[in-house]
C-alpha atoms as a PDB file:
ATOM      1  CA  UNK A   1       0.000   0.000   0.000  1.00  0.00           C
ATOM      2  CA  UNK A   2       1.139   3.535  -0.778  1.00  0.00           C
ATOM      3  CA  UNK A   3       2.389   5.590   2.161  1.00  0.00           C
ATOM      4  CA  UNK A   4       0.886   9.036   2.628  1.00  0.00           C
ATOM      5  CA  UNK A   5       4.285  10.701   2.996  1.00  0.00           C
ATOM      6  CA  UNK A   6       5.401   9.541  -0.452  1.00  0.00           C
ATOM      7  CA  UNK A   7       5.704  12.272  -3.064  1.00  0.00           C
ATOM      8  CA  UNK A   8       6.174  15.193  -0.693  1.00  0.00           C
ATOM      9  CA  UNK A   9       9.955  15.397  -1.125  1.00  0.00           C
ATOM     10  CA  UNK A  10       9.417  15.730  -4.893  1.00  0.00           C
ATOM     11  CA  UNK A  11       6.635  18.249  -4.337  1.00  0.00           C
ATOM     12  CA  UNK A  12       8.820  20.592  -2.258  1.00  0.00           C
ATOM     13  CA  UNK A  13      10.133  22.766  -5.156  1.00  0.00           C
ATOM     14  CA  UNK A  14       6.572  23.377  -6.395  1.00  0.00           C
ATOM     15  CA  UNK A  15       4.561  23.485  -3.163  1.00  0.00           C
ATOM     16  CA  UNK A  16       4.670  27.255  -2.595  1.00  0.00           C
ATOM     17  CA  UNK A  17       4.165  27.991  -6.305  1.00  0.00           C
ATOM     18  CA  UNK A  18       0.987  25.892  -6.464  1.00  0.00           C
ATOM     19  CA  UNK A  19      -0.429  27.004  -3.112  1.00  0.00           C
ATOM     20  CA  UNK A  20      -0.001  30.670  -4.025  1.00  0.00           C
ATOM     21  CA  UNK A  21      -2.411  30.006  -6.907  1.00  0.00           C
ATOM     22  CA  UNK A  22      -4.921  27.861  -4.988  1.00  0.00           C
ATOM     23  CA  UNK A  23      -5.252  28.013  -1.204  1.00  0.00           C
ATOM     24  CA  UNK A  24      -2.880  30.969  -0.877  1.00  0.00           C
ATOM     25  CA  UNK A  25      -2.990  32.616   2.555  1.00  0.00           C
ATOM     26  CA  UNK A  26      -6.754  32.455   3.087  1.00  0.00           C
ATOM     27  CA  UNK A  27      -6.403  30.225   6.146  1.00  0.00           C
ATOM     28  CA  UNK A  28      -3.462  32.073   7.736  1.00  0.00           C
ATOM     29  CA  UNK A  29      -5.525  34.683   9.683  1.00  0.00           C
ATOM     30  CA  UNK A  30      -7.621  31.900  11.212  1.00  0.00           C
ATOM     31  CA  UNK A  31      -4.592  29.989  12.510  1.00  0.00           C
ATOM     32  CA  UNK A  32      -2.880  33.206  13.607  1.00  0.00           C
ATOM     33  CA  UNK A  33      -5.894  34.316  15.669  1.00  0.00           C
ATOM     34  CA  UNK A  34      -6.243  30.865  17.210  1.00  0.00           C
ATOM     35  CA  UNK A  35      -2.544  30.830  18.135  1.00  0.00           C
ATOM     36  CA  UNK A  36      -2.632  34.317  19.671  1.00  0.00           C
ATOM     37  CA  UNK A  37      -5.666  33.338  21.757  1.00  0.00           C
ATOM     38  CA  UNK A  38      -3.834  30.230  22.973  1.00  0.00           C
ATOM     39  CA  UNK A  39      -1.181  32.483  24.548  1.00  0.00           C
ATOM     40  CA  UNK A  40       1.515  29.812  24.736  1.00  0.00           C
ATOM     41  CA  UNK A  41       3.704  27.493  22.666  1.00  0.00           C
ATOM     42  CA  UNK A  42       2.161  26.100  19.472  1.00  0.00           C
ATOM     43  CA  UNK A  43       2.932  22.897  17.564  1.00  0.00           C
ATOM     44  CA  UNK A  44       2.208  22.600  13.839  1.00  0.00           C
ATOM     45  CA  UNK A  45       1.940  19.107  12.347  1.00  0.00           C
ATOM     46  CA  UNK A  46       3.212  18.843   8.767  1.00  0.00           C
ATOM     47  CA  UNK A  47       4.685  22.347   8.695  1.00  0.00           C
ATOM     48  CA  UNK A  48       6.191  21.902   5.212  1.00  0.00           C
ATOM     49  CA  UNK A  49       7.843  25.039   3.854  1.00  0.00           C
ATOM     50  CA  UNK A  50       6.589  27.223   6.712  1.00  0.00           C
ATOM     51  CA  UNK A  51       3.449  28.543   4.996  1.00  0.00           C
ATOM     52  CA  UNK A  52       1.651  28.767   8.375  1.00  0.00           C
ATOM     53  CA  UNK A  53       4.526  28.746  10.890  1.00  0.00           C
ATOM     54  CA  UNK A  54       6.326  31.802   9.517  1.00  0.00           C
ATOM     55  CA  UNK A  55       3.324  34.189   9.573  1.00  0.00           C
ATOM     56  CA  UNK A  56       2.552  32.990  13.102  1.00  0.00           C
ATOM     57  CA  UNK A  57       6.155  33.638  14.120  1.00  0.00           C
ATOM     58  CA  UNK A  58       5.938  37.145  12.662  1.00  0.00           C
ATOM     59  CA  UNK A  59       2.851  37.708  14.831  1.00  0.00           C
ATOM     60  CA  UNK A  60       4.890  36.910  17.948  1.00  0.00           C
ATOM     61  CA  UNK A  61       3.824  33.276  18.387  1.00  0.00           C
ATOM     62  CA  UNK A  62       6.364  30.770  19.686  1.00  0.00           C
ATOM     63  CA  UNK A  63       5.882  27.794  17.370  1.00  0.00           C
ATOM     64  CA  UNK A  64       7.477  24.410  16.682  1.00  0.00           C
ATOM     65  CA  UNK A  65       6.943  22.841  13.260  1.00  0.00           C
ATOM     66  CA  UNK A  66       7.411  19.134  12.617  1.00  0.00           C
ATOM     67  CA  UNK A  67       7.586  17.490   9.204  1.00  0.00           C
ATOM     68  CA  UNK A  68       8.935  14.271   7.738  1.00  0.00           C
ATOM     69  CA  UNK A  69      10.181  15.841   4.488  1.00  0.00           C
ATOM     70  CA  UNK A  70      13.719  17.209   4.630  1.00  0.00           C
ATOM     71  CA  UNK A  71      13.383  19.080   1.277  1.00  0.00           C
ATOM     72  CA  UNK A  72      10.292  20.841   2.639  1.00  0.00           C
ATOM     73  CA  UNK A  73      12.069  21.730   5.883  1.00  0.00           C
ATOM     74  CA  UNK A  74      15.149  22.979   4.000  1.00  0.00           C
ATOM     75  CA  UNK A  75      12.981  25.561   2.260  1.00  0.00           C
ATOM     76  CA  UNK A  76      11.328  26.523   5.541  1.00  0.00           C
ATOM     77  CA  UNK A  77      14.733  27.021   7.194  1.00  0.00           C
ATOM     78  CA  UNK A  78      15.830  29.380   4.424  1.00  0.00           C
ATOM     79  CA  UNK A  79      12.671  31.453   4.836  1.00  0.00           C
ATOM     80  CA  UNK A  80      13.062  31.557   8.626  1.00  0.00           C
ATOM     81  CA  UNK A  81      16.655  32.774   8.296  1.00  0.00           C
ATOM     82  CA  UNK A  82      15.634  35.491   5.844  1.00  0.00           C
ATOM     83  CA  UNK A  83      12.827  36.604   8.161  1.00  0.00           C
ATOM     84  CA  UNK A  84      15.132  36.444  11.232  1.00  0.00           C
ATOM     85  CA  UNK A  85      12.596  34.328  13.106  1.00  0.00           C
ATOM     86  CA  UNK A  86      14.965  31.715  14.502  1.00  0.00           C
ATOM     87  CA  UNK A  87      14.091  32.746  18.051  1.00  0.00           C
ATOM     88  CA  UNK A  88      10.376  32.084  17.560  1.00  0.00           C
ATOM     89  CA  UNK A  89      10.067  29.360  14.913  1.00  0.00           C
ATOM     90  CA  UNK A  90      11.775  26.021  15.538  1.00  0.00           C
ATOM     91  CA  UNK A  91      11.730  23.152  13.046  1.00  0.00           C
ATOM     92  CA  UNK A  92      12.085  19.443  13.730  1.00  0.00           C
ATOM     93  CA  UNK A  93      12.266  16.600  11.271  1.00  0.00           C
ATOM     94  CA  UNK A  94      10.104  13.827  12.635  1.00  0.00           C
ATOM     95  CA  UNK A  95       7.078  11.567  12.351  1.00  0.00           C
ATOM     96  CA  UNK A  96       3.777  13.010  13.588  1.00  0.00           C
ATOM     97  CA  UNK A  97       2.708   9.545  14.771  1.00  0.00           C
ATOM     98  CA  UNK A  98       5.503   9.627  17.358  1.00  0.00           C
ATOM     99  CA  UNK A  99       5.837  13.215  18.512  1.00  0.00           C
ATOM    100  CA  UNK A 100       9.321  13.662  20.005  1.00  0.00           C
ATOM    101  CA  UNK A 101       8.417  15.865  22.952  1.00  0.00           C
ATOM    102  CA  UNK A 102       8.004  15.602  26.678  1.00  0.00           C
ATOM    103  CA  UNK A 103       4.312  15.041  27.371  1.00  0.00           C
ATOM    104  CA  UNK A 104       2.115  17.524  29.202  1.00  0.00           C
ATOM    105  CA  UNK A 105       2.351  15.263  32.259  1.00  0.00           C
ATOM    106  CA  UNK A 106       6.141  15.603  32.232  1.00  0.00           C
ATOM    107  CA  UNK A 107       6.852  12.075  31.002  1.00  0.00           C
ATOM    108  CA  UNK A 108       9.288  11.834  28.084  1.00  0.00           C
ATOM    109  CA  UNK A 109       8.137  10.526  24.710  1.00  0.00           C
ATOM    110  CA  UNK A 110      10.622   8.955  22.364  1.00  0.00           C
ATOM    111  CA  UNK A 111      10.803   9.439  18.658  1.00  0.00           C
ATOM    112  CA  UNK A 112      10.296   6.517  16.290  1.00  0.00           C
ATOM    113  CA  UNK A 113      14.075   6.140  16.180  1.00  0.00           C
ATOM    114  CA  UNK A 114      14.132   5.541  19.943  1.00  0.00           C
ATOM    115  CA  UNK A 115      16.395   8.523  20.635  1.00  0.00           C
ATOM    116  CA  UNK A 116      15.793  10.938  23.461  1.00  0.00           C
ATOM    117  CA  UNK A 117      13.298  13.603  22.558  1.00  0.00           C
ATOM    118  CA  UNK A 118      13.560  17.394  22.814  1.00  0.00           C
ATOM    119  CA  UNK A 119      11.037  18.854  25.226  1.00  0.00           C
ATOM    120  CA  UNK A 120       8.099  21.143  24.543  1.00  0.00           C
ATOM    121  CA  UNK A 121       8.376  22.694  27.998  1.00  0.00           C
ATOM    122  CA  UNK A 122       5.562  20.688  29.601  1.00  0.00           C
ATOM    123  CA  UNK A 123       3.007  20.686  26.827  1.00  0.00           C
ATOM    124  CA  UNK A 124       1.660  22.886  24.055  1.00  0.00           C
ATOM    125  CA  UNK A 125      -1.119  25.461  24.368  1.00  0.00           C
ATOM    126  CA  UNK A 126      -2.273  24.648  20.827  1.00  0.00           C
ATOM    127  CA  UNK A 127      -1.627  21.954  18.223  1.00  0.00           C
ATOM    128  CA  UNK A 128      -2.660  22.579  14.608  1.00  0.00           C
ATOM    129  CA  UNK A 129      -2.910  20.290  11.586  1.00  0.00           C
ATOM    130  CA  UNK A 130      -3.677  22.592   8.639  1.00  0.00           C
ATOM    131  CA  UNK A 131      -5.141  21.737   5.258  1.00  0.00           C
ATOM    132  CA  UNK A 132      -5.308  17.965   4.780  1.00  0.00           C
ATOM    133  CA  UNK A 133      -2.306  17.007   6.941  1.00  0.00           C
ATOM    134  CA  UNK A 134      -4.112  14.221   8.818  1.00  0.00           C
ATOM    135  CA  UNK A 135      -5.498  12.822   5.565  1.00  0.00           C
ATOM    136  CA  UNK A 136      -1.962  11.863   4.589  1.00  0.00           C
ATOM    137  CA  UNK A 137      -2.257   9.154   7.263  1.00  0.00           C
ATOM    138  CA  UNK A 138      -3.689   6.405   5.098  1.00  0.00           C
ATOM    139  CA  UNK A 139      -4.062   3.700   7.734  1.00  0.00           C
ATOM    140  CA  UNK A 140      -6.420   3.748  10.677  1.00  0.00           C
ATOM    141  CA  UNK A 141      -3.668   2.761  13.106  1.00  0.00           C
ATOM    142  CA  UNK A 142      -1.516   5.691  11.948  1.00  0.00           C
ATOM    143  CA  UNK A 143      -4.293   8.196  12.543  1.00  0.00           C
ATOM    144  CA  UNK A 144      -5.036   6.682  15.955  1.00  0.00           C
ATOM    145  CA  UNK A 145      -1.342   6.869  16.916  1.00  0.00           C
ATOM    146  CA  UNK A 146      -1.170  10.526  15.852  1.00  0.00           C
ATOM    147  CA  UNK A 147      -4.270  11.523  17.816  1.00  0.00           C
ATOM    148  CA  UNK A 148      -2.893   9.743  20.875  1.00  0.00           C
ATOM    149  CA  UNK A 149       0.425  11.549  20.449  1.00  0.00           C
ATOM    150  CA  UNK A 150      -1.304  14.936  20.110  1.00  0.00           C
ATOM    151  CA  UNK A 151      -3.377  14.321  23.240  1.00  0.00           C
ATOM    152  CA  UNK A 152      -0.165  13.495  25.091  1.00  0.00           C
ATOM    153  CA  UNK A 153       1.580  16.791  24.302  1.00  0.00           C
ATOM    154  CA  UNK A 154      -1.413  19.133  24.717  1.00  0.00           C
ATOM    155  CA  UNK A 155      -1.860  20.944  27.989  1.00  0.00           C
ATOM    156  CA  UNK A 156      -5.151  20.083  29.770  1.00  0.00           C
ATOM    157  CA  UNK A 157      -7.920  22.236  28.318  1.00  0.00           C
ATOM    158  CA  UNK A 158      -5.819  23.195  25.284  1.00  0.00           C
ATOM    159  CA  UNK A 159      -7.080  23.133  21.684  1.00  0.00           C
ATOM    160  CA  UNK A 160      -6.316  20.855  18.742  1.00  0.00           C
ATOM    161  CA  UNK A 161      -7.328  22.489  15.452  1.00  0.00           C
ATOM    162  CA  UNK A 162      -7.400  20.668  12.137  1.00  0.00           C
ATOM    163  CA  UNK A 163      -8.666  21.111   8.611  1.00  0.00           C
ATOM    164  CA  UNK A 164      -9.773  18.394   6.214  1.00  0.00           C
ATOM    165  CA  UNK A 165      -9.732  18.706   2.435  1.00  0.00           C
ATOM    166  CA  UNK A 166     -13.451  19.212   1.791  1.00  0.00           C
ATOM    167  CA  UNK A 167     -15.460  16.360   0.301  1.00  0.00           C
ATOM    168  CA  UNK A 168     -12.605  14.458  -1.355  1.00  0.00           C
ATOM    169  CA  UNK A 169     -14.827  11.451  -2.314  1.00  0.00           C
ATOM    170  CA  UNK A 170     -16.903  13.676  -4.615  1.00  0.00           C
ATOM    171  CA  UNK A 171     -13.912  14.908  -6.633  1.00  0.00           C
ATOM    172  CA  UNK A 172     -14.441  13.747 -10.213  1.00  0.00           C
ATOM    173  CA  UNK A 173     -11.735  11.649 -11.810  1.00  0.00           C
ATOM    174  CA  UNK A 174      -9.918  13.131 -14.762  1.00  0.00           C
ATOM    175  CA  UNK A 175      -6.739  12.439 -16.717  1.00  0.00           C
ATOM    176  CA  UNK A 176      -3.888  14.740 -17.658  1.00  0.00           C
ATOM    177  CA  UNK A 177      -5.689  18.024 -17.195  1.00  0.00           C
ATOM    178  CA  UNK A 178      -3.682  21.246 -17.266  1.00  0.00           C
ATOM    179  CA  UNK A 179      -4.554  22.636 -13.822  1.00  0.00           C
ATOM    180  CA  UNK A 180      -2.107  25.536 -13.494  1.00  0.00           C
ATOM    181  CA  UNK A 181       0.456  27.384 -15.565  1.00  0.00           C
ATOM    182  CA  UNK A 182       2.686  30.353 -14.877  1.00  0.00           C
ATOM    183  CA  UNK A 183       6.095  31.731 -13.974  1.00  0.00           C
ATOM    184  CA  UNK A 184       7.933  30.607 -10.872  1.00  0.00           C
ATOM    185  CA  UNK A 185       9.849  33.486  -9.363  1.00  0.00           C
ATOM    186  CA  UNK A 186      10.641  36.485 -11.542  1.00  0.00           C
ATOM    187  CA  UNK A 187       9.272  36.527 -15.071  1.00  0.00           C
ATOM    188  CA  UNK A 188      11.898  35.165 -17.390  1.00  0.00           C
ATOM    189  CA  UNK A 189      12.943  32.426 -14.943  1.00  0.00           C
ATOM    190  CA  UNK A 190      11.231  29.043 -14.982  1.00  0.00           C
ATOM    191  CA  UNK A 191       7.803  28.604 -16.544  1.00  0.00           C
ATOM    192  CA  UNK A 192       5.837  25.815 -14.848  1.00  0.00           C
ATOM    193  CA  UNK A 193       2.804  23.858 -16.031  1.00  0.00           C
ATOM    194  CA  UNK A 194       0.953  21.417 -13.786  1.00  0.00           C
ATOM    195  CA  UNK A 195      -0.690  18.496 -15.580  1.00  0.00           C
ATOM    196  CA  UNK A 196      -2.833  16.539 -13.129  1.00  0.00           C
ATOM    197  CA  UNK A 197      -4.707  13.250 -12.955  1.00  0.00           C
ATOM    198  CA  UNK A 198      -7.181  12.407 -10.174  1.00  0.00           C
ATOM    199  CA  UNK A 199      -7.890   8.775  -9.241  1.00  0.00           C
ATOM    200  CA  UNK A 200     -10.482   7.576  -6.732  1.00  0.00           C
ATOM    201  CA  UNK A 201     -10.284   4.284  -4.831  1.00  0.00           C
ATOM    202  CA  UNK A 202     -13.680   4.036  -3.078  1.00  0.00           C
ATOM    203  CA  UNK A 203     -12.951   0.601  -1.636  1.00  0.00           C
ATOM    204  CA  UNK A 204      -9.954   1.908   0.293  1.00  0.00           C
ATOM    205  CA  UNK A 205     -11.317   5.465   0.720  1.00  0.00           C
ATOM    206  CA  UNK A 206      -8.329   7.027  -1.024  1.00  0.00           C
ATOM    207  CA  UNK A 207      -7.933   9.897  -3.495  1.00  0.00           C
ATOM    208  CA  UNK A 208      -4.687  10.083  -5.470  1.00  0.00           C
ATOM    209  CA  UNK A 209      -3.384  13.082  -7.392  1.00  0.00           C
ATOM    210  CA  UNK A 210      -0.852  12.146 -10.075  1.00  0.00           C
ATOM    211  CA  UNK A 211       1.227  15.282 -10.527  1.00  0.00           C
ATOM    212  CA  UNK A 212       3.319  16.182 -13.541  1.00  0.00           C
ATOM    213  CA  UNK A 213       5.143  19.484 -13.275  1.00  0.00           C
ATOM    214  CA  UNK A 214       6.672  20.604 -16.569  1.00  0.00           C
ATOM    215  CA  UNK A 215       9.436  23.119 -15.988  1.00  0.00           C
ATOM    216  CA  UNK A 216      10.784  25.195 -18.898  1.00  0.00           C
ATOM    217  CA  UNK A 217      13.841  27.423 -18.802  1.00  0.00           C
ATOM    218  CA  UNK A 218      14.518  28.819 -22.241  1.00  0.00           C
ATOM    219  CA  UNK A 219      14.880  25.845 -24.558  1.00  0.00           C
ATOM    220  CA  UNK A 220      15.328  23.373 -21.684  1.00  0.00           C
ATOM    221  CA  UNK A 221      12.406  21.269 -20.516  1.00  0.00           C
ATOM    222  CA  UNK A 222      12.235  19.047 -17.456  1.00  0.00           C
ATOM    223  CA  UNK A 223       9.327  16.923 -16.200  1.00  0.00           C
ATOM    224  CA  UNK A 224       8.830  16.061 -12.513  1.00  0.00           C
ATOM    225  CA  UNK A 225       6.375  13.204 -11.827  1.00  0.00           C
ATOM    226  CA  UNK A 226       5.037  11.995  -8.473  1.00  0.00           C
ATOM    227  CA  UNK A 227       1.772  11.121  -6.733  1.00  0.00           C
ATOM    228  CA  UNK A 228       0.112  12.427  -3.545  1.00  0.00           C
ATOM    229  CA  UNK A 229      -2.499  10.249  -1.836  1.00  0.00           C
ATOM    230  CA  UNK A 230      -5.090  11.340   0.736  1.00  0.00           C
ATOM    231  CA  UNK A 231      -7.579   9.454   2.855  1.00  0.00           C
ATOM    232  CA  UNK A 232     -11.194  10.489   2.256  1.00  0.00           C
ATOM    233  CA  UNK A 233     -12.398  11.113   5.807  1.00  0.00           C
ATOM    234  CA  UNK A 234     -15.585  13.094   6.471  1.00  0.00           C
ATOM    235  CA  UNK A 235     -16.112  15.515   9.362  1.00  0.00           C
ATOM    236  CA  UNK A 236     -18.390  13.038  11.257  1.00  0.00           C
ATOM    237  CA  UNK A 237     -15.819  10.274  10.778  1.00  0.00           C
ATOM    238  CA  UNK A 238     -12.995  12.469  12.081  1.00  0.00           C
ATOM    239  CA  UNK A 239     -14.986  13.742  15.060  1.00  0.00           C
ATOM    240  CA  UNK A 240     -15.767  10.144  15.996  1.00  0.00           C
ATOM    241  CA  UNK A 241     -12.062   9.310  16.002  1.00  0.00           C
ATOM    242  CA  UNK A 242     -11.225  12.406  18.014  1.00  0.00           C
ATOM    243  CA  UNK A 243     -13.765  11.474  20.672  1.00  0.00           C
ATOM    244  CA  UNK A 244     -12.394   7.946  20.767  1.00  0.00           C
ATOM    245  CA  UNK A 245      -8.954   9.461  21.436  1.00  0.00           C
ATOM    246  CA  UNK A 246     -10.373  11.390  24.388  1.00  0.00           C
ATOM    247  CA  UNK A 247     -10.965  14.808  22.844  1.00  0.00           C
ATOM    248  CA  UNK A 248     -14.004  17.045  23.325  1.00  0.00           C
ATOM    249  CA  UNK A 249     -15.325  18.583  20.104  1.00  0.00           C
ATOM    250  CA  UNK A 250     -15.797  22.319  20.603  1.00  0.00           C
ATOM    251  CA  UNK A 251     -16.516  23.636  17.087  1.00  0.00           C
ATOM    252  CA  UNK A 252     -17.233  22.530  13.523  1.00  0.00           C
ATOM    253  CA  UNK A 253     -16.528  25.385  11.123  1.00  0.00           C
ATOM    254  CA  UNK A 254     -17.395  25.864   7.458  1.00  0.00           C
ATOM    255  CA  UNK A 255     -15.242  28.866   6.665  1.00  0.00           C
ATOM    256  CA  UNK A 256     -12.174  30.697   7.960  1.00  0.00           C
ATOM    257  CA  UNK A 257     -14.302  33.413   9.584  1.00  0.00           C
ATOM    258  CA  UNK A 258     -15.898  30.983  12.043  1.00  0.00           C
ATOM    259  CA  UNK A 259     -19.130  30.228  10.172  1.00  0.00           C
ATOM    260  CA  UNK A 260     -20.943  26.949  10.912  1.00  0.00           C
ATOM    261  CA  UNK A 261     -20.064  23.749   9.069  1.00  0.00           C
ATOM    262  CA  UNK A 262     -22.361  21.676   6.902  1.00  0.00           C
ATOM    263  CA  UNK A 263     -21.481  18.971   4.326  1.00  0.00           C
ATOM    264  CA  UNK A 264     -21.735  21.468   1.445  1.00  0.00           C
ATOM    265  CA  UNK A 265     -19.220  23.905   2.975  1.00  0.00           C
ATOM    266  CA  UNK A 266     -16.010  24.667   1.075  1.00  0.00           C
ATOM    267  CA  UNK A 267     -13.987  24.539   4.308  1.00  0.00           C
ATOM    268  CA  UNK A 268     -14.033  21.663   6.824  1.00  0.00           C
ATOM    269  CA  UNK A 269     -12.510  22.739  10.145  1.00  0.00           C
ATOM    270  CA  UNK A 270     -12.664  20.945  13.494  1.00  0.00           C
ATOM    271  CA  UNK A 271     -11.664  22.367  16.859  1.00  0.00           C
ATOM    272  CA  UNK A 272     -11.274  19.939  19.740  1.00  0.00           C
ATOM    273  CA  UNK A 273      -9.747  20.171  23.174  1.00  0.00           C
ATOM    274  CA  UNK A 274      -8.035  17.953  25.645  1.00  0.00           C
ATOM    275  CA  UNK A 275     -10.382  17.738  28.672  1.00  0.00           C
ATOM    276  CA  UNK A 276      -9.322  19.246  31.962  1.00  0.00           C
ATOM    277  CA  UNK A 277     -10.245  15.920  33.566  1.00  0.00           C
ATOM    278  CA  UNK A 278     -10.942  12.423  32.193  1.00  0.00           C
ATOM    279  CA  UNK A 279     -14.454  11.561  31.084  1.00  0.00           C
ATOM    280  CA  UNK A 280     -15.465  15.064  30.037  1.00  0.00           C
ATOM    281  CA  UNK A 281     -18.598  15.522  27.910  1.00  0.00           C
ATOM    282  CA  UNK A 282     -18.397  16.752  24.314  1.00  0.00           C
ATOM    283  CA  UNK A 283     -20.070  20.057  23.538  1.00  0.00           C
ATOM    284  CA  UNK A 284     -20.198  21.171  19.896  1.00  0.00           C
ATOM    285  CA  UNK A 285     -20.182  24.862  19.023  1.00  0.00           C
ATOM    286  CA  UNK A 286     -21.457  25.755  15.547  1.00  0.00           C
ATOM    287  CA  UNK A 287     -19.505  28.976  15.231  1.00  0.00           C
END
């Protein structure tokens, strides 16, 4: 079976270029406001090139980003150096299923390599998993391990915020469609065209995007091919798993301004919290 982390190293050179033309920064104010309200250290799962972590650092948030992809992190490090945010934004290469931090109870966790883990200072005030990060966990046991790890490093009463890619199962299949085209960097540099294929696997609840980035520099032409696979989880399915992991669901949101969620919404956001005491009841807030 394909692993959800496959393809992201190859995607690194094109990630910011594509996101600037699709998602952009629409979600950044939401995560920034949530982090400022948390008033403490923040952990971002799947931080990639720093698309979320760097704006939060600029806003004064102390944030740790963890990602498995070294090429993604290399780009984030360059951006952090340029922005002089090394004192606020810290990056760690690691596996989100085995978060390498001291738990909120003060007990050390170990990374998947078994090495001693850096501490988070007794737990995070907020953990975030932006756009589709948890859907890269293709197996049920991997998602369960990640939710358990998040619960372990959250301070009691603290928030876990996550976003799902909306309604992935309904995405229509297509083959070799030109999805995007434009210059990367200054005009006259590299011209990039994204040719995309979407494949659905309803039996395994997976959606795969076959990516072909065609890069042209003058008369030179280079093609980069890879695939990104996501698990097609709905909001009810994810909330059920969060509750099973001990979280209380506090809000289901359908836009980045805090509007209520419904299945037709373009944005699927879930806010949950680690209870102050075991056995807490779940209370859902619509907005």
